[in-house]
Amino acid sequence: MKKDTAIQIVLGVFILALLGYDLMAGLSILSRNVSPTFDSNLFFQLRLPRVLGAVLAGISLAWSGLLMQTLFRNPLAGPFLIGITPGASFGIAVLTFFGGYYFSDYSGWGVSFQPIAALFGALMVMGIQLWLHKRLQQLHSLLLLGLILGYFFGAAVDIIEQMASAQQVKQFVLWGMGNFDRIEISQLFPFAAATFFGGAILWYNRHSFNTYLLGDIHVLSSGKSTHRLRFLLIVSSAVMAALATAYCGPVSFVGLIAPHLSRRISGTESHGKNILPTALCGILLTLTGDLLSHNLFQNFTLPINAMMAIIGAPLVFYIIRKVKY
């Protein structure tokens, strides 16, 4: 058995154990002091959507990061640095602060349209990037533009906050901290569909994406279209990152770190060999963050964004030291 295969099997077993513990931690199904009905509702309405949402978020953000690093041929690219996450956050901010002025039943309308608002914001950022790319023709310039657009939309959100009510600001701030607790069972289906959509594009075009990493000349010599490949990379990564942001908040570091850990495991940049380990690394990161956020302190839950920063920052330092970018 190859070393990378053995590592993936061990990683999969560890994730299953982590998944089981996260599902059952704190439940009192066998306790005589707690009724079975209470435990059943707690499990299916709160615990199961939260844990499955963490799994889907880990896969979506990890694959989105892999696609972004492919698009820009840059190991530092990711949904947050490229501007996808700030763009999705801008869409959510517009929905949160202005939706209530036009719809009396805002709470129900806001939940159903959150993914659309986040997707619109993410695709708007990537559309601007694609439009500028036709004029600049430099991928490293697009990476810098992604950072600039992230700051721009962050400033736009700050301005919108000044015009919002205290309740709206509180709602948006809590969403911005990130957590998986707000995910409902009904939201898992579109979330899973978006993840499957991005994964299908990644798998079907894995050989073309390998060629894309070598440069535009190699893409053209193989008879492929660079514009088509870039379009697929942008749309698939934006869809996955946008829905993850809509349902879970702007979760950082996963899209940046998971592809690097996957390459360390597989020992190659081939997309075909990195699809599964990238997903496993993403799941490991989000499940670990979810467990820590709910179990470090007994009386309150920590924001998932804070936990991912605590986990991710040391990993980034380790990756930079080992790979020496």
Protein backbone atom coordinates (compact mmCIF):
# COMPACT_ATOMS: atom_id res chain seq x y z
CA MET A 1 0.00 0.00 0.00
CA LYS A 2 1.30 3.43 -0.94
CA LYS A 3 2.13 5.91 1.79
CA ASP A 4 -0.38 8.53 0.61
CA THR A 5 -3.17 5.93 0.46
CA ALA A 6 -2.39 4.75 3.98
CA ILE A 7 -2.43 8.34 5.25
CA GLN A 8 -5.81 8.95 3.62
CA ILE A 9 -7.25 5.81 5.19
CA VAL A 10 -5.98 6.82 8.63
CA LEU A 11 -7.30 10.32 8.08
CA GLY A 12 -10.70 8.96 7.02
CA VAL A 13 -10.95 6.73 10.10
CA PHE A 14 -9.98 9.62 12.36
CA ILE A 15 -12.59 11.86 10.72
CA LEU A 16 -15.28 9.19 11.23
CA ALA A 17 -14.36 9.01 14.91
CA LEU A 18 -14.39 12.79 15.14
CA LEU A 19 -17.72 12.91 13.34
CA GLY A 20 -19.27 10.38 15.71
CA TYR A 21 -17.99 12.20 18.76
CA ASP A 22 -19.21 15.56 17.49
CA LEU A 23 -22.65 14.08 16.81
CA MET A 24 -22.99 12.43 20.21
CA ALA A 25 -21.03 14.76 22.51
CA GLY A 26 -23.34 16.22 25.12
CA LEU A 27 -26.31 14.04 24.19
CA SER A 28 -27.92 12.03 26.96
CA ILE A 29 -29.73 9.39 24.95
CA LEU A 30 -28.96 6.67 27.47
CA SER A 31 -29.60 8.84 30.48
CA ARG A 32 -32.65 8.00 32.58
CA ASN A 33 -33.04 11.65 33.55
CA VAL A 34 -33.65 12.84 29.98
CA SER A 35 -36.64 11.79 27.89
CA PRO A 36 -35.99 10.08 24.53
CA THR A 37 -38.23 12.61 22.74
CA PHE A 38 -36.06 15.52 23.92
CA ASP A 39 -32.90 13.78 22.81
CA SER A 40 -34.39 12.92 19.43
CA ASN A 41 -35.37 16.53 18.74
CA LEU A 42 -32.00 17.77 19.92
CA PHE A 43 -30.20 15.37 17.64
CA PHE A 44 -32.20 15.75 14.42
CA GLN A 45 -33.04 19.45 14.63
CA LEU A 46 -29.82 20.85 16.07
CA ARG A 47 -26.88 18.46 16.26
CA LEU A 48 -27.21 16.61 12.93
CA PRO A 49 -27.66 19.74 10.71
CA ARG A 50 -24.77 21.45 12.50
CA VAL A 51 -22.32 18.59 12.04
CA LEU A 52 -23.34 17.80 8.46
CA GLY A 53 -23.15 21.52 7.69
CA ALA A 54 -19.60 21.57 9.07
CA VAL A 55 -18.72 18.63 6.80
CA LEU A 56 -20.19 20.30 3.71
CA ALA A 57 -18.51 23.60 4.58
CA GLY A 58 -15.16 21.86 4.93
CA ILE A 59 -15.48 20.17 1.54
CA SER A 60 -16.83 23.25 -0.26
CA LEU A 61 -14.26 25.69 1.07
CA ALA A 62 -11.38 23.23 0.56
CA TRP A 63 -12.33 22.53 -3.06
CA SER A 64 -12.98 26.23 -3.66
CA GLY A 65 -9.48 27.01 -2.38
CA LEU A 66 -7.98 24.32 -4.62
CA LEU A 67 -9.75 25.78 -7.65
CA MET A 68 -8.69 29.32 -6.76
CA GLN A 69 -5.05 28.30 -6.38
CA THR A 70 -5.32 26.62 -9.77
CA LEU A 71 -6.94 29.65 -11.40
CA PHE A 72 -4.22 32.04 -10.23
CA ARG A 73 -1.43 29.44 -10.20
CA ASN A 74 -0.66 30.83 -6.77
CA PRO A 75 -0.45 28.80 -3.53
CA LEU A 76 -1.59 31.82 -1.48
CA ALA A 77 -4.90 32.19 -3.31
CA GLY A 78 -8.11 31.34 -1.52
CA PRO A 79 -11.78 32.37 -1.31
CA PHE A 80 -11.03 35.05 1.28
CA LEU A 81 -7.89 36.54 -0.30
CA ILE A 82 -9.37 36.56 -3.80
CA GLY A 83 -12.43 38.51 -2.67
CA ILE A 84 -15.11 35.83 -2.97
CA THR A 85 -15.85 35.77 0.75
CA PRO A 86 -15.95 39.59 1.13
CA GLY A 87 -18.19 39.76 -1.94
CA ALA A 88 -20.56 37.17 -0.50
CA SER A 89 -20.52 39.05 2.81
CA PHE A 90 -21.49 42.23 0.95
CA GLY A 91 -24.46 40.43 -0.60
CA ILE A 92 -25.58 39.22 2.83
CA ALA A 93 -25.13 42.73 4.26
CA VAL A 94 -27.32 44.29 1.57
CA LEU A 95 -29.99 41.63 2.19
CA THR A 96 -29.80 42.05 5.96
CA PHE A 97 -29.90 45.84 6.09
CA PHE A 98 -32.19 46.71 3.17
CA GLY A 99 -34.41 43.66 2.79
CA GLY A 100 -36.54 44.65 5.76
CA TYR A 101 -37.54 47.93 4.14
CA TYR A 102 -39.36 46.17 1.32
CA PHE A 103 -40.70 43.03 2.96
CA SER A 104 -42.67 42.99 6.18
CA ASP A 105 -41.99 39.31 6.84
CA TYR A 106 -38.24 39.85 6.58
CA SER A 107 -37.05 36.93 8.70
CA GLY A 108 -38.52 34.24 6.47
CA TRP A 109 -37.60 36.07 3.26
CA GLY A 110 -34.04 36.68 4.43
CA VAL A 111 -33.31 33.05 5.19
CA SER A 112 -34.58 31.77 1.84
CA PHE A 113 -32.70 34.39 -0.18
CA GLN A 114 -29.40 34.37 1.72
CA PRO A 115 -27.70 31.92 -0.69
CA ILE A 116 -28.83 33.99 -3.69
CA ALA A 117 -27.54 37.22 -2.14
CA ALA A 118 -24.20 35.61 -1.22
CA LEU A 119 -23.84 34.04 -4.66
CA PHE A 120 -24.63 37.37 -6.34
CA GLY A 121 -21.94 39.13 -4.29
CA ALA A 122 -19.35 36.41 -4.95
CA LEU A 123 -20.03 36.27 -8.69
CA MET A 124 -19.95 40.08 -8.87
CA VAL A 125 -16.40 40.07 -7.48
CA MET A 126 -15.28 37.28 -9.79
CA GLY A 127 -17.00 38.97 -12.74
CA ILE A 128 -15.01 42.15 -12.08
CA GLN A 129 -11.86 40.06 -11.88
CA LEU A 130 -12.63 38.32 -15.16
CA TRP A 131 -13.40 41.64 -16.88
CA LEU A 132 -10.13 43.15 -15.67
CA HIS A 133 -8.20 40.04 -16.66
CA LYS A 134 -9.01 40.66 -20.33
CA ARG A 135 -7.16 43.97 -20.03
CA LEU A 136 -4.34 43.12 -17.63
CA GLN A 137 -3.47 39.57 -18.70
CA GLN A 138 -1.46 39.11 -15.48
CA LEU A 139 -2.62 36.59 -12.89
CA HIS A 140 -0.59 38.11 -10.06
CA SER A 141 -2.33 41.43 -10.76
CA LEU A 142 -5.68 39.69 -10.29
CA LEU A 143 -4.53 38.39 -6.93
CA LEU A 144 -3.70 41.93 -5.85
CA LEU A 145 -7.03 43.14 -7.23
CA GLY A 146 -8.79 40.48 -5.19
CA LEU A 147 -7.29 41.93 -2.02
CA ILE A 148 -8.27 45.46 -3.11
CA LEU A 149 -11.84 44.37 -3.89
CA GLY A 150 -11.99 42.64 -0.50
CA TYR A 151 -11.09 45.90 1.24
CA PHE A 152 -13.52 47.84 -0.97
CA PHE A 153 -16.50 45.62 -0.19
CA GLY A 154 -15.48 45.54 3.47
CA ALA A 155 -15.63 49.34 3.48
CA ALA A 156 -19.02 49.21 1.75
CA VAL A 157 -20.31 46.93 4.51
CA ASP A 158 -19.00 49.36 7.15
CA ILE A 159 -20.91 52.20 5.48
CA ILE A 160 -24.09 50.12 5.31
CA GLU A 161 -23.76 49.32 9.02
CA GLN A 162 -23.86 53.03 9.84
CA MET A 163 -27.31 53.25 8.26
CA ALA A 164 -28.68 50.11 9.92
CA SER A 165 -30.60 49.62 13.13
CA ALA A 166 -28.98 48.16 16.22
CA GLN A 167 -30.82 44.86 15.73
CA GLN A 168 -29.65 44.57 12.13
CA VAL A 169 -26.05 45.33 13.10
CA LYS A 170 -26.19 42.70 15.84
CA GLN A 171 -27.64 40.14 13.40
CA PHE A 172 -24.91 40.78 10.85
CA VAL A 173 -22.09 40.81 13.41
CA LEU A 174 -23.22 37.46 14.83
CA TRP A 175 -23.41 36.05 11.30
CA GLY A 176 -19.92 37.42 10.56
CA MET A 177 -18.44 35.55 13.53
CA GLY A 178 -19.39 32.31 11.81
CA ASN A 179 -20.89 29.14 13.20
CA PHE A 180 -22.61 26.00 12.00
CA ASP A 181 -25.47 26.16 14.51
CA ARG A 182 -27.78 28.19 12.28
CA ILE A 183 -27.92 25.54 9.52
CA GLU A 184 -31.29 23.80 9.16
CA ILE A 185 -32.08 20.40 7.68
CA SER A 186 -33.80 21.96 4.66
CA GLN A 187 -30.69 24.01 3.87
CA LEU A 188 -28.47 20.94 3.65
CA PHE A 189 -29.92 19.95 0.27
CA PRO A 190 -28.95 23.08 -1.71
CA PHE A 191 -25.67 23.14 0.21
CA ALA A 192 -24.93 19.55 -0.82
CA ALA A 193 -26.04 20.28 -4.40
CA ALA A 194 -23.61 23.20 -4.68
CA THR A 195 -20.80 21.04 -3.26
CA PHE A 196 -21.61 18.24 -5.72
CA PHE A 197 -21.72 20.77 -8.57
CA GLY A 198 -18.26 22.09 -7.78
CA GLY A 199 -16.84 18.63 -7.17
CA ALA A 200 -18.25 17.33 -10.46
CA ILE A 201 -16.61 20.17 -12.41
CA LEU A 202 -13.34 19.55 -10.56
CA TRP A 203 -13.39 15.82 -11.29
CA TYR A 204 -14.52 16.05 -14.91
CA ASN A 205 -11.89 18.70 -15.80
CA ARG A 206 -9.08 17.40 -13.58
CA HIS A 207 -6.75 16.66 -16.52
CA SER A 208 -7.46 20.02 -18.15
CA PHE A 209 -6.77 21.80 -14.87
CA ASN A 210 -3.44 19.97 -14.62
CA THR A 211 -2.56 21.33 -18.05
CA TYR A 212 -3.72 24.80 -17.02
CA LEU A 213 -1.17 24.82 -14.19
CA LEU A 214 1.62 24.53 -16.76
CA GLY A 215 0.63 27.77 -18.50
CA ASP A 216 -1.65 29.14 -21.21
CA ILE A 217 0.66 27.93 -23.98
CA HIS A 218 0.25 24.32 -22.86
CA VAL A 219 -3.53 24.77 -22.68
CA LEU A 220 -3.69 26.10 -26.23
CA SER A 221 -1.34 23.39 -27.55
CA SER A 222 -3.64 20.73 -26.05
CA GLY A 223 -6.60 22.15 -27.97
CA LYS A 224 -8.36 23.57 -24.87
CA SER A 225 -9.72 27.06 -24.32
CA THR A 226 -8.13 29.06 -21.51
CA HIS A 227 -11.22 31.28 -21.26
CA ARG A 228 -13.49 28.25 -20.83
CA LEU A 229 -11.27 26.77 -18.13
CA ARG A 230 -11.09 30.08 -16.27
CA PHE A 231 -14.86 30.42 -16.49
CA LEU A 232 -15.33 26.94 -15.00
CA LEU A 233 -12.80 27.66 -12.25
CA ILE A 234 -14.47 30.95 -11.35
CA VAL A 235 -18.07 29.72 -11.37
CA SER A 236 -17.48 26.46 -9.50
CA SER A 237 -15.30 28.02 -6.80
CA ALA A 238 -17.66 31.00 -6.38
CA VAL A 239 -20.76 28.82 -6.03
CA MET A 240 -19.23 26.62 -3.34
CA ALA A 241 -17.66 29.46 -1.37
CA ALA A 242 -20.79 31.64 -1.63
CA LEU A 243 -23.17 29.03 -0.22
CA ALA A 244 -20.74 28.10 2.54
CA THR A 245 -20.50 31.79 3.43
CA ALA A 246 -24.27 32.25 3.31
CA TYR A 247 -25.04 29.37 5.66
CA CYS A 248 -22.00 29.40 7.96
CA GLY A 249 -20.62 32.93 7.82
CA PRO A 250 -17.20 33.93 6.44
CA VAL A 251 -15.17 30.92 7.59
CA SER A 252 -11.48 31.64 7.00
CA PHE A 253 -8.30 29.59 6.49
CA VAL A 254 -9.96 26.36 5.30
CA GLY A 255 -9.71 27.19 1.59
CA LEU A 256 -6.11 28.31 2.02
CA ILE A 257 -4.77 25.47 4.16
CA ALA A 258 -6.60 22.32 3.02
CA PRO A 259 -5.07 22.19 -0.51
CA HIS A 260 -1.57 22.58 0.98
CA LEU A 261 -2.11 19.74 3.45
CA SER A 262 -3.48 17.62 0.62
CA ARG A 263 -0.37 18.16 -1.51
CA ARG A 264 1.80 17.19 1.45
CA ILE A 265 -0.16 13.94 1.67
CA SER A 266 -0.34 13.10 -2.04
CA GLY A 267 3.12 14.43 -2.92
CA THR A 268 1.83 15.88 -6.19
CA GLU A 269 -0.14 18.81 -7.62
CA SER A 270 -2.29 16.53 -9.79
CA HIS A 271 -5.94 17.42 -9.28
CA GLY A 272 -7.10 13.83 -9.63
CA LYS A 273 -4.97 12.72 -6.69
CA ASN A 274 -5.82 15.77 -4.57
CA ILE A 275 -9.61 15.83 -4.78
CA LEU A 276 -10.20 13.32 -1.97
CA PRO A 277 -7.40 14.36 0.42
CA THR A 278 -8.34 18.03 -0.02
CA ALA A 279 -11.91 17.23 1.01
CA LEU A 280 -10.70 15.15 3.96
CA CYS A 281 -8.42 17.95 5.16
CA GLY A 282 -11.26 20.46 4.86
CA ILE A 283 -13.59 18.23 6.89
CA LEU A 284 -10.90 17.70 9.52
CA LEU A 285 -10.39 21.44 9.92
CA THR A 286 -14.08 22.35 10.21
CA LEU A 287 -14.99 19.45 12.50
CA THR A 288 -12.05 20.24 14.77
CA GLY A 289 -13.05 23.89 14.86
CA ASP A 290 -16.67 22.97 15.60
CA LEU A 291 -15.71 20.64 18.43
CA LEU A 292 -13.39 23.17 20.03
CA SER A 293 -15.86 26.03 19.72
CA HIS A 294 -18.55 24.03 21.55
CA ASN A 295 -16.43 22.24 24.16
CA LEU A 296 -13.61 24.55 25.24
CA PHE A 297 -15.98 26.45 27.54
CA GLN A 298 -19.10 25.05 29.13
CA ASN A 299 -21.23 28.18 29.33
CA PHE A 300 -20.86 29.63 25.83
CA THR A 301 -19.89 28.79 22.26
CA LEU A 302 -16.90 30.41 20.59
CA PRO A 303 -17.17 31.81 17.03
CA ILE A 304 -16.00 29.31 14.43
CA ASN A 305 -13.99 32.05 12.70
CA ALA A 306 -11.92 32.58 15.84
CA MET A 307 -11.28 28.85 16.19
CA MET A 308 -10.25 28.50 12.54
CA ALA A 309 -7.79 31.38 12.96
CA ILE A 310 -6.28 29.73 16.06
CA ILE A 311 -5.98 26.41 14.19
CA GLY A 312 -5.00 27.89 10.83
CA ALA A 313 -2.34 30.44 11.75
CA PRO A 314 0.17 27.88 13.12
CA LEU A 315 -0.50 25.62 10.13
CA VAL A 316 0.25 28.47 7.71
CA PHE A 317 3.55 29.15 9.49
CA TYR A 318 4.38 25.43 9.29
CA ILE A 319 3.53 25.26 5.58
CA ILE A 320 5.58 28.36 4.73
CA ARG A 321 8.55 27.02 6.68
CA LYS A 322 8.43 23.59 5.04
CA VAL A 323 7.59 24.56 1.49
CA LYS A 324 9.59 27.83 1.55
CA TYR A 325 7.45 29.94 -0.76
